[in-house]
Amino acid sequence: MTQLKIEIPSIYKPLFTLRKRHKVFYGGRGSGHSHNIARSLLVIGMQKTTRILCAREFQNSIAESVHRLLTDLTQEYGLDFFYEVTRNEIRGKNGTLFIFRGLHFDPAGVKSLEGVDIVWLEEAEKISNESLDFLIPTIRKNDSEIWYTFNPYKKTDPVYERFILQARDDAYVQKVNWTDNPWFPDVLKSELEFDKRTNPDKYKWVWLGEPLGLSDAQVFRNKFEIQSFETPQNIQFYFGADWGFAQDPTTLTRSFIQNKCLYIDHEAYGVGVEIEDIPKLFNSVPNSNQWRIYADSARPETISYVSRNGYPKLTGVKKWAGSIEDGIEFMRSFEKIIIHPRCKHTIDEFELYSYKQDRLTGDILPIILDKSNHCIDSIRYSLVDHVQNRNQTNGAWRKSLAI
């Protein structure tokens, strides 16, 4: 039999050589920790019979688990001879078993898994204290381990408090960033450099794994949440586009309104996209060529080109004095803005979009900073008809002005 070669960076060596109850790998985006944990588990599962629980806080379907990642890796490395992939499990010929669970809605199901050898908690920044308090004593087999991978969000997140802010003898903690990933993709490098140059706070959070410092200056503070959902059939969509200038990103967002909430379910995002490549970028968002798209009117030549190349319903958005503030006020009028986890750049912007603060007093000023707003601008453009109608209804309509 041909010898298998599965490369795993040396920074993950403690997964194989060190005996610790808790093993924590955290850091910024592009670090590759999910892929390397998955590779490591596949190797360990081939070396000895191992029962592995892959869990996260919320898992409404198997599609939201790491099942797909593990399946793709078994195919990439030709491990089909050893692993049988079923709809809900992955089984090894030696009895190794991968199980997938959500902790929040299935505590009873987790309680039945006492014989687990390794737990992998992906997106561990979202794990609640209640889930950890239930899970940890349930995993009680001798020498069992719990592995955590996550991109830090807030210092107050339970996993961050328990393992990063507190030193523990029973835990191995390793920060892993993009510089530790030998396969860091070039497509992410351009985004990283853009954030590093234009938005240091975002760069530190997204790419260096520093926790986000939330404050009252956050424009959408307490107004949005990240949640998986199924898009309804026969719903009205709102599409908006923002054009990239120089190294700014070109974006397209899709959203819909239901039960007094705004749902954002798809995004397209590209830095340095040439004009001839914009239609291809937009094609990644379902049904985008079938609906009206309101786009930034500052680039009429771009609108003209894209509309001639598959997007005939693309329209420049009207702007007026105060249109930004009116659009943001309308977005904040929803009971909640719900963002699908696949819209990563939209999530980043909602976290970072802020009002200006006085440097001396710390007072929050009624001035919105013009950064971390490309996806947000797209959403704002897409809702322009609602914004105008709301202003007219309230008797506050201001005559359109080009700005």
Protein backbone atom coordinates (compact mmCIF):
# COMPACT_ATOMS: atom_id res chain seq x y z
CA MET A 1 0.00 0.00 0.00
CA THR A 2 1.28 3.51 -0.88
CA GLN A 3 2.43 5.42 2.17
CA LEU A 4 0.15 8.34 3.00
CA LYS A 5 1.59 11.81 3.46
CA ILE A 6 -0.58 14.25 5.40
CA GLU A 7 1.31 17.42 6.31
CA ILE A 8 0.47 19.11 9.60
CA PRO A 9 2.48 22.18 10.77
CA SER A 10 4.74 21.56 13.74
CA ILE A 11 2.79 24.05 15.88
CA TYR A 12 0.12 21.31 16.20
CA LYS A 13 2.59 18.68 17.45
CA PRO A 14 1.18 18.83 21.04
CA LEU A 15 -2.06 17.31 19.71
CA PHE A 16 -0.12 14.07 19.30
CA THR A 17 2.60 14.25 21.95
CA LEU A 18 1.20 16.14 24.95
CA ARG A 19 -1.37 14.79 27.39
CA LYS A 20 -3.65 17.63 28.55
CA ARG A 21 -7.35 17.62 29.37
CA HIS A 22 -7.91 20.86 27.40
CA LYS A 23 -6.10 21.89 24.20
CA VAL A 24 -6.88 25.37 22.93
CA PHE A 25 -5.90 26.77 19.52
CA TYR A 26 -7.11 30.29 18.86
CA GLY A 27 -6.20 33.23 16.67
CA GLY A 28 -7.09 35.24 13.60
CA ARG A 29 -8.70 34.34 10.31
CA GLY A 30 -6.61 32.42 7.81
CA SER A 31 -4.65 30.56 10.49
CA GLY A 32 -5.85 27.21 9.15
CA HIS A 33 -6.57 25.80 12.61
CA SER A 34 -9.83 24.13 11.55
CA HIS A 35 -8.21 22.27 8.65
CA ASN A 36 -5.24 21.20 10.75
CA ILE A 37 -7.36 20.00 13.64
CA ALA A 38 -9.45 18.01 11.15
CA ARG A 39 -6.31 16.50 9.56
CA SER A 40 -4.97 15.60 13.00
CA LEU A 41 -8.19 13.87 14.03
CA LEU A 42 -8.28 11.84 10.83
CA VAL A 43 -4.71 10.68 11.45
CA ILE A 44 -5.37 9.84 15.11
CA GLY A 45 -8.53 7.97 14.12
CA MET A 46 -6.48 5.79 11.76
CA GLN A 47 -3.79 5.09 14.36
CA LYS A 48 -6.18 3.78 17.00
CA THR A 49 -9.87 3.30 17.63
CA THR A 50 -11.13 6.69 18.74
CA ARG A 51 -14.58 8.08 19.44
CA ILE A 52 -14.65 11.73 18.42
CA LEU A 53 -17.43 14.24 19.12
CA CYS A 54 -17.42 17.28 16.83
CA ALA A 55 -19.63 19.87 18.52
CA ARG A 56 -20.59 23.50 18.37
CA GLU A 57 -23.11 25.63 20.23
CA PHE A 58 -25.71 25.73 17.45
CA GLN A 59 -26.13 23.02 14.83
CA ASN A 60 -29.52 22.99 13.16
CA SER A 61 -28.39 20.54 10.48
CA ILE A 62 -25.38 18.39 9.60
CA ALA A 63 -24.50 20.99 6.96
CA GLU A 64 -23.60 23.43 9.76
CA SER A 65 -21.04 21.03 11.26
CA VAL A 66 -17.46 20.17 10.27
CA HIS A 67 -18.81 17.02 8.59
CA ARG A 68 -18.21 18.57 5.13
CA LEU A 69 -14.67 19.62 6.01
CA LEU A 70 -13.74 16.14 7.24
CA THR A 71 -15.41 14.54 4.21
CA ASP A 72 -13.50 16.79 1.82
CA LEU A 73 -10.21 15.93 3.52
CA THR A 74 -10.85 12.17 3.33
CA GLN A 75 -11.31 12.60 -0.42
CA GLU A 76 -8.33 14.94 -0.82
CA TYR A 77 -5.95 12.50 0.87
CA GLY A 78 -7.49 9.34 -0.55
CA LEU A 79 -8.71 8.02 2.80
CA ASP A 80 -11.87 6.51 1.31
CA PHE A 81 -10.33 3.05 1.75
CA PHE A 82 -10.43 3.55 5.52
CA TYR A 83 -13.26 5.96 6.28
CA GLU A 84 -16.91 5.45 5.36
CA VAL A 85 -18.81 8.71 5.19
CA THR A 86 -22.52 8.52 5.95
CA ARG A 87 -25.04 11.32 6.12
CA ASN A 88 -24.59 11.90 9.85
CA GLU A 89 -21.36 10.10 10.82
CA ILE A 90 -17.91 9.13 9.63
CA ARG A 91 -16.75 5.60 10.48
CA GLY A 92 -13.27 4.08 10.35
CA LYS A 93 -12.55 0.42 9.60
CA ASN A 94 -10.94 0.05 13.05
CA GLY A 95 -14.07 1.26 14.85
CA THR A 96 -13.18 4.96 14.95
CA LEU A 97 -16.33 7.07 14.94
CA PHE A 98 -16.94 10.79 14.27
CA ILE A 99 -20.20 12.11 15.76
CA PHE A 100 -21.67 15.60 15.20
CA ARG A 101 -23.83 17.47 17.70
CA GLY A 102 -25.14 20.89 18.62
CA LEU A 103 -24.86 21.63 22.34
CA HIS A 104 -27.55 24.25 22.81
CA PHE A 105 -30.57 22.26 21.64
CA ASP A 106 -29.44 18.70 22.39
CA PRO A 107 -28.06 18.40 25.95
CA ALA A 108 -29.65 14.98 26.38
CA GLY A 109 -27.96 13.73 23.23
CA VAL A 110 -24.58 14.90 24.48
CA LYS A 111 -25.14 13.27 27.87
CA SER A 112 -25.36 9.88 26.16
CA LEU A 113 -21.80 10.22 24.79
CA GLU A 114 -19.82 9.44 27.90
CA GLY A 115 -17.43 7.14 26.01
CA VAL A 116 -15.99 9.94 23.87
CA ASP A 117 -12.18 10.12 23.65
CA ILE A 118 -11.84 13.55 22.02
CA VAL A 119 -14.26 16.46 21.77
CA TRP A 120 -13.60 19.09 19.12
CA LEU A 121 -15.41 22.37 19.84
CA GLU A 122 -15.32 24.41 16.64
CA GLU A 123 -16.21 28.13 16.81
CA ALA A 124 -15.72 27.80 20.53
CA GLU A 125 -16.11 31.55 21.08
CA LYS A 126 -19.86 30.95 20.76
CA ILE A 127 -20.05 28.20 23.40
CA SER A 128 -22.09 29.29 26.42
CA ASN A 129 -21.18 28.74 30.06
CA GLU A 130 -24.23 26.50 30.39
CA SER A 131 -23.05 24.25 27.55
CA LEU A 132 -19.51 24.05 28.95
CA ASP A 133 -20.78 23.26 32.44
CA PHE A 134 -22.89 20.45 31.00
CA LEU A 135 -20.34 19.08 28.53
CA ILE A 136 -17.10 19.01 30.51
CA PRO A 137 -18.21 16.67 33.34
CA THR A 138 -20.03 14.49 30.79
CA ILE A 139 -16.76 13.70 29.00
CA ARG A 140 -15.33 11.50 31.73
CA LYS A 141 -13.45 8.67 30.02
CA ASN A 142 -9.89 8.21 31.26
CA ASP A 143 -7.43 10.38 29.26
CA SER A 144 -10.27 12.03 27.33
CA GLU A 145 -9.50 15.45 25.89
CA ILE A 146 -11.45 18.52 24.80
CA TRP A 147 -10.03 20.55 21.90
CA TYR A 148 -11.09 24.13 21.25
CA THR A 149 -10.63 26.17 18.06
CA PHE A 150 -11.88 29.71 17.74
CA ASN A 151 -11.38 33.25 16.52
CA PRO A 152 -11.71 35.52 19.58
CA TYR A 153 -14.71 37.83 19.76
CA LYS A 154 -15.03 39.39 23.22
CA LYS A 155 -12.91 39.03 26.35
CA THR A 156 -16.09 38.11 28.20
CA ASP A 157 -16.79 35.03 26.06
CA PRO A 158 -16.73 31.96 28.35
CA VAL A 159 -13.95 30.09 26.53
CA TYR A 160 -11.76 33.19 26.41
CA GLU A 161 -12.30 33.86 30.10
CA ARG A 162 -11.67 30.24 31.13
CA PHE A 163 -8.57 29.50 29.07
CA ILE A 164 -6.96 32.71 27.78
CA LEU A 165 -7.42 35.05 30.74
CA GLN A 166 -6.76 32.31 33.30
CA ALA A 167 -3.69 30.09 33.48
CA ARG A 168 -4.58 26.42 34.01
CA ASP A 169 -2.30 23.47 34.64
CA ASP A 170 -4.66 21.13 32.79
CA ALA A 171 -4.74 23.21 29.61
CA TYR A 172 -2.41 23.70 26.66
CA VAL A 173 -3.08 27.05 24.97
CA GLN A 174 -1.58 28.09 21.64
CA LYS A 175 -2.25 31.21 19.61
CA VAL A 176 -2.13 30.53 15.87
CA ASN A 177 -2.27 33.25 13.23
CA TRP A 178 -1.95 33.48 9.46
CA THR A 179 1.82 33.67 9.78
CA ASP A 180 1.72 30.09 11.11
CA ASN A 181 -0.18 28.80 8.08
CA PRO A 182 2.20 27.62 5.31
CA TRP A 183 -0.78 27.41 2.94
CA PHE A 184 -2.17 30.89 3.59
CA PRO A 185 -3.99 31.71 0.32
CA ASP A 186 -3.05 34.72 -1.80
CA VAL A 187 -6.69 35.76 -2.11
CA LEU A 188 -6.77 36.40 1.65
CA LYS A 189 -3.42 38.20 1.58
CA SER A 190 -4.88 41.09 -0.41
CA GLU A 191 -7.75 41.46 2.09
CA LEU A 192 -5.33 41.29 4.99
CA GLU A 193 -3.11 44.02 3.52
CA PHE A 194 -6.13 46.21 2.82
CA ASP A 195 -7.36 45.93 6.43
CA LYS A 196 -3.86 46.48 7.80
CA ARG A 197 -3.51 49.67 5.78
CA THR A 198 -6.99 51.13 6.22
CA ASN A 199 -8.44 49.75 9.46
CA PRO A 200 -5.92 48.74 12.16
CA ASP A 201 -8.65 47.77 14.65
CA LYS A 202 -10.18 45.35 12.18
CA TYR A 203 -6.74 43.99 11.28
CA LYS A 204 -5.93 43.24 14.92
CA TRP A 205 -9.28 41.52 15.50
CA VAL A 206 -9.80 39.64 12.25
CA TRP A 207 -6.24 38.70 11.34
CA LEU A 208 -4.25 38.78 14.60
CA GLY A 209 -6.86 37.21 16.87
CA GLU A 210 -7.15 40.08 19.34
CA PRO A 211 -10.55 40.25 21.08
CA LEU A 212 -12.87 42.96 19.88
CA GLY A 213 -13.22 45.98 22.13
CA LEU A 214 -16.94 46.76 21.91
CA SER A 215 -18.18 50.12 23.09
CA ASP A 216 -21.23 52.36 23.03
CA ALA A 217 -19.80 53.89 19.84
CA GLN A 218 -20.79 50.79 17.88
CA VAL A 219 -23.55 51.91 15.48
CA PHE A 220 -25.46 48.62 15.53
CA ARG A 221 -24.73 47.67 19.12
CA ASN A 222 -27.38 45.19 20.39
CA LYS A 223 -29.27 45.44 17.09
CA PHE A 224 -27.88 42.41 15.22
CA GLU A 225 -27.16 38.77 15.75
CA ILE A 226 -25.39 36.03 13.80
CA GLN A 227 -27.67 33.08 13.20
CA SER A 228 -28.18 30.32 10.65
CA PHE A 229 -31.58 30.33 8.97
CA GLU A 230 -33.38 28.98 5.94
CA THR A 231 -34.39 31.58 3.37
CA PRO A 232 -38.15 31.39 2.75
CA GLN A 233 -39.58 30.58 -0.65
CA ASN A 234 -41.22 33.36 -2.68
CA ILE A 235 -39.77 36.14 -0.54
CA GLN A 236 -38.92 39.61 -1.86
CA PHE A 237 -35.17 40.19 -2.03
CA TYR A 238 -33.24 43.45 -1.74
CA PHE A 239 -29.91 43.68 -3.54
CA GLY A 240 -27.35 46.43 -3.13
CA ALA A 241 -23.87 46.96 -4.56
CA ASP A 242 -20.89 49.11 -3.62
CA TRP A 243 -17.97 49.62 -6.01
CA GLY A 244 -14.33 49.29 -5.09
CA PHE A 245 -12.10 52.33 -5.59
CA ALA A 246 -8.39 51.50 -5.86
CA GLN A 247 -8.03 48.78 -3.20
CA ASP A 248 -11.50 49.17 -1.69
CA PRO A 249 -13.71 46.07 -1.94
CA THR A 250 -16.53 45.63 -4.42
CA THR A 251 -19.56 44.18 -2.63
CA LEU A 252 -23.02 42.81 -3.31
CA THR A 253 -25.49 41.89 -0.57
CA ARG A 254 -28.85 40.16 -0.58
CA SER A 255 -31.43 40.60 2.16
CA PHE A 256 -35.11 40.23 2.90
CA ILE A 257 -37.61 41.50 5.48
CA GLN A 258 -39.75 39.19 7.61
CA ASN A 259 -41.52 39.59 10.96
CA LYS A 260 -40.12 43.11 11.48
CA CYS A 261 -36.56 41.80 11.09
CA LEU A 262 -33.99 42.33 8.35
CA TYR A 263 -32.26 39.11 7.24
CA ILE A 264 -28.97 39.21 5.34
CA ASP A 265 -28.37 35.83 3.73
CA HIS A 266 -25.71 36.30 1.01
CA GLU A 267 -22.76 38.51 0.20
CA ALA A 268 -20.13 38.83 -2.52
CA TYR A 269 -16.89 40.60 -1.60
CA GLY A 270 -13.69 41.14 -3.54
CA VAL A 271 -10.70 43.46 -3.19
CA GLY A 272 -9.11 44.80 -6.36
CA VAL A 273 -11.79 43.33 -8.64
CA GLU A 274 -11.36 44.47 -12.25
CA ILE A 275 -14.47 45.84 -13.92
CA GLU A 276 -14.69 42.91 -16.34
CA ASP A 277 -14.70 40.47 -13.39
CA ILE A 278 -17.56 42.11 -11.48
CA PRO A 279 -20.34 40.08 -13.20
CA LYS A 280 -18.57 36.86 -12.20
CA LEU A 281 -18.30 38.09 -8.61
CA PHE A 282 -21.99 38.99 -8.55
CA ASN A 283 -22.94 35.60 -9.97
CA SER A 284 -21.89 34.03 -6.65
CA VAL A 285 -25.02 35.51 -5.04
CA PRO A 286 -28.12 33.48 -5.98
CA ASN A 287 -30.71 35.16 -8.25
CA SER A 288 -28.71 38.37 -8.38
CA ASN A 289 -29.32 38.86 -12.12
CA GLN A 290 -33.09 38.50 -11.72
CA TRP A 291 -33.78 41.33 -9.27
CA ARG A 292 -33.21 45.06 -9.20
CA ILE A 293 -29.85 45.98 -7.73
CA TYR A 294 -29.37 49.47 -6.31
CA ALA A 295 -25.71 50.44 -6.64
CA ASP A 296 -23.50 53.37 -5.72
CA SER A 297 -24.23 55.98 -8.40
CA ALA A 298 -20.72 57.45 -8.19
CA ARG A 299 -19.50 55.01 -10.86
CA PRO A 300 -21.86 55.35 -13.87
CA GLU A 301 -19.33 53.71 -16.21
CA THR A 302 -19.23 50.64 -13.96
CA ILE A 303 -23.02 50.50 -13.77
CA SER A 304 -23.18 50.74 -17.55
CA TYR A 305 -20.67 47.93 -18.10
CA VAL A 306 -22.18 45.51 -15.56
CA SER A 307 -25.74 46.18 -16.73
CA ARG A 308 -24.69 45.30 -20.30
CA ASN A 309 -23.06 42.08 -19.10
CA GLY A 310 -25.84 40.15 -17.44
CA TYR A 311 -27.33 42.65 -15.00
CA PRO A 312 -29.90 44.76 -16.89
CA LYS A 313 -31.77 45.68 -13.67
CA LEU A 314 -28.74 47.38 -12.11
CA THR A 315 -29.65 50.95 -11.12
CA GLY A 316 -27.71 53.84 -9.62
CA VAL A 317 -29.08 54.79 -6.21
CA LYS A 318 -30.36 58.29 -5.43
CA LYS A 319 -28.49 60.19 -2.75
CA TRP A 320 -29.50 63.26 -0.78
CA ALA A 321 -28.20 65.37 2.06
CA GLY A 322 -28.39 63.10 5.09
CA SER A 323 -29.02 59.90 3.09
CA ILE A 324 -26.42 57.97 5.07
CA GLU A 325 -27.95 58.90 8.42
CA ASP A 326 -31.47 58.23 7.12
CA GLY A 327 -30.44 54.81 5.83
CA ILE A 328 -28.75 53.85 9.09
CA GLU A 329 -31.74 55.07 11.09
CA PHE A 330 -34.04 52.93 8.97
CA MET A 331 -31.83 49.85 9.42
CA ARG A 332 -31.82 50.41 13.17
CA SER A 333 -35.63 50.59 13.15
CA PHE A 334 -35.87 46.83 12.62
CA GLU A 335 -36.43 44.79 15.77
CA LYS A 336 -33.32 42.81 14.87
CA ILE A 337 -30.88 42.45 11.99
CA ILE A 338 -30.04 38.78 11.52
CA ILE A 339 -26.90 37.90 9.56
CA HIS A 340 -26.18 34.43 8.21
CA PRO A 341 -22.74 33.12 9.35
CA ARG A 342 -21.58 32.75 5.72
CA CYS A 343 -21.67 36.57 5.36
CA LYS A 344 -18.34 36.98 7.13
CA HIS A 345 -17.44 40.42 5.83
CA THR A 346 -20.89 41.78 6.64
CA ILE A 347 -20.50 40.43 10.18
CA ASP A 348 -17.10 42.10 10.50
CA GLU A 349 -18.52 45.46 9.46
CA PHE A 350 -21.49 45.30 11.82
CA GLU A 351 -19.03 44.63 14.65
CA LEU A 352 -16.76 47.54 13.72
CA TYR A 353 -19.01 50.24 12.24
CA SER A 354 -18.80 53.08 14.77
CA TYR A 355 -19.45 56.68 15.64
CA LYS A 356 -16.49 58.99 16.11
CA GLN A 357 -15.30 59.54 19.69
CA ASP A 358 -13.72 62.66 21.12
CA ARG A 359 -10.06 61.86 21.75
CA LEU A 360 -9.88 63.88 24.95
CA THR A 361 -13.23 63.22 26.62
CA GLY A 362 -14.24 59.90 25.07
CA ASP A 363 -17.65 61.37 24.26
CA ILE A 364 -19.45 59.75 21.33
CA LEU A 365 -20.03 62.26 18.53
CA PRO A 366 -22.93 62.19 16.01
CA ILE A 367 -20.46 61.49 13.20
CA ILE A 368 -20.27 58.05 11.59
CA LEU A 369 -16.73 56.99 10.69
CA ASP A 370 -16.30 56.30 6.98
CA LYS A 371 -14.77 52.84 7.31
CA SER A 372 -15.94 49.26 7.81
CA ASN A 373 -18.98 50.14 5.73
CA HIS A 374 -18.81 48.60 2.24
CA CYS A 375 -21.31 45.79 2.87
CA ILE A 376 -23.35 48.11 5.07
CA ASP A 377 -23.48 50.68 2.25
CA SER A 378 -24.68 47.92 -0.09
CA ILE A 379 -27.50 47.05 2.31
CA ARG A 380 -28.37 50.71 2.80
CA TYR A 381 -28.59 51.25 -0.98
CA SER A 382 -30.80 48.18 -1.41
CA LEU A 383 -33.36 49.61 1.02
CA VAL A 384 -33.50 53.11 -0.48
CA ASP A 385 -37.17 52.86 -1.51
CA HIS A 386 -38.16 52.01 2.06
CA VAL A 387 -36.03 54.85 3.41
CA GLN A 388 -37.62 57.39 1.08
CA ASN A 389 -41.14 56.13 1.78
CA ARG A 390 -40.47 56.32 5.52
CA ASN A 391 -39.26 59.89 5.23
CA GLN A 392 -42.30 60.87 3.17
CA THR A 393 -44.67 59.18 5.62
CA ASN A 394 -43.06 60.98 8.55
CA GLY A 395 -43.20 64.30 6.74
CA ALA A 396 -39.43 64.50 6.82
CA TRP A 397 -38.69 63.92 3.18
CA ARG A 398 -35.81 66.01 1.94
CA LYS A 399 -35.45 66.79 -1.73
CA SER A 400 -32.91 64.54 -3.46
CA LEU A 401 -29.53 66.13 -3.89
CA ALA A 402 -26.45 64.71 -5.55
CA ILE A 403 -23.67 64.45 -2.99
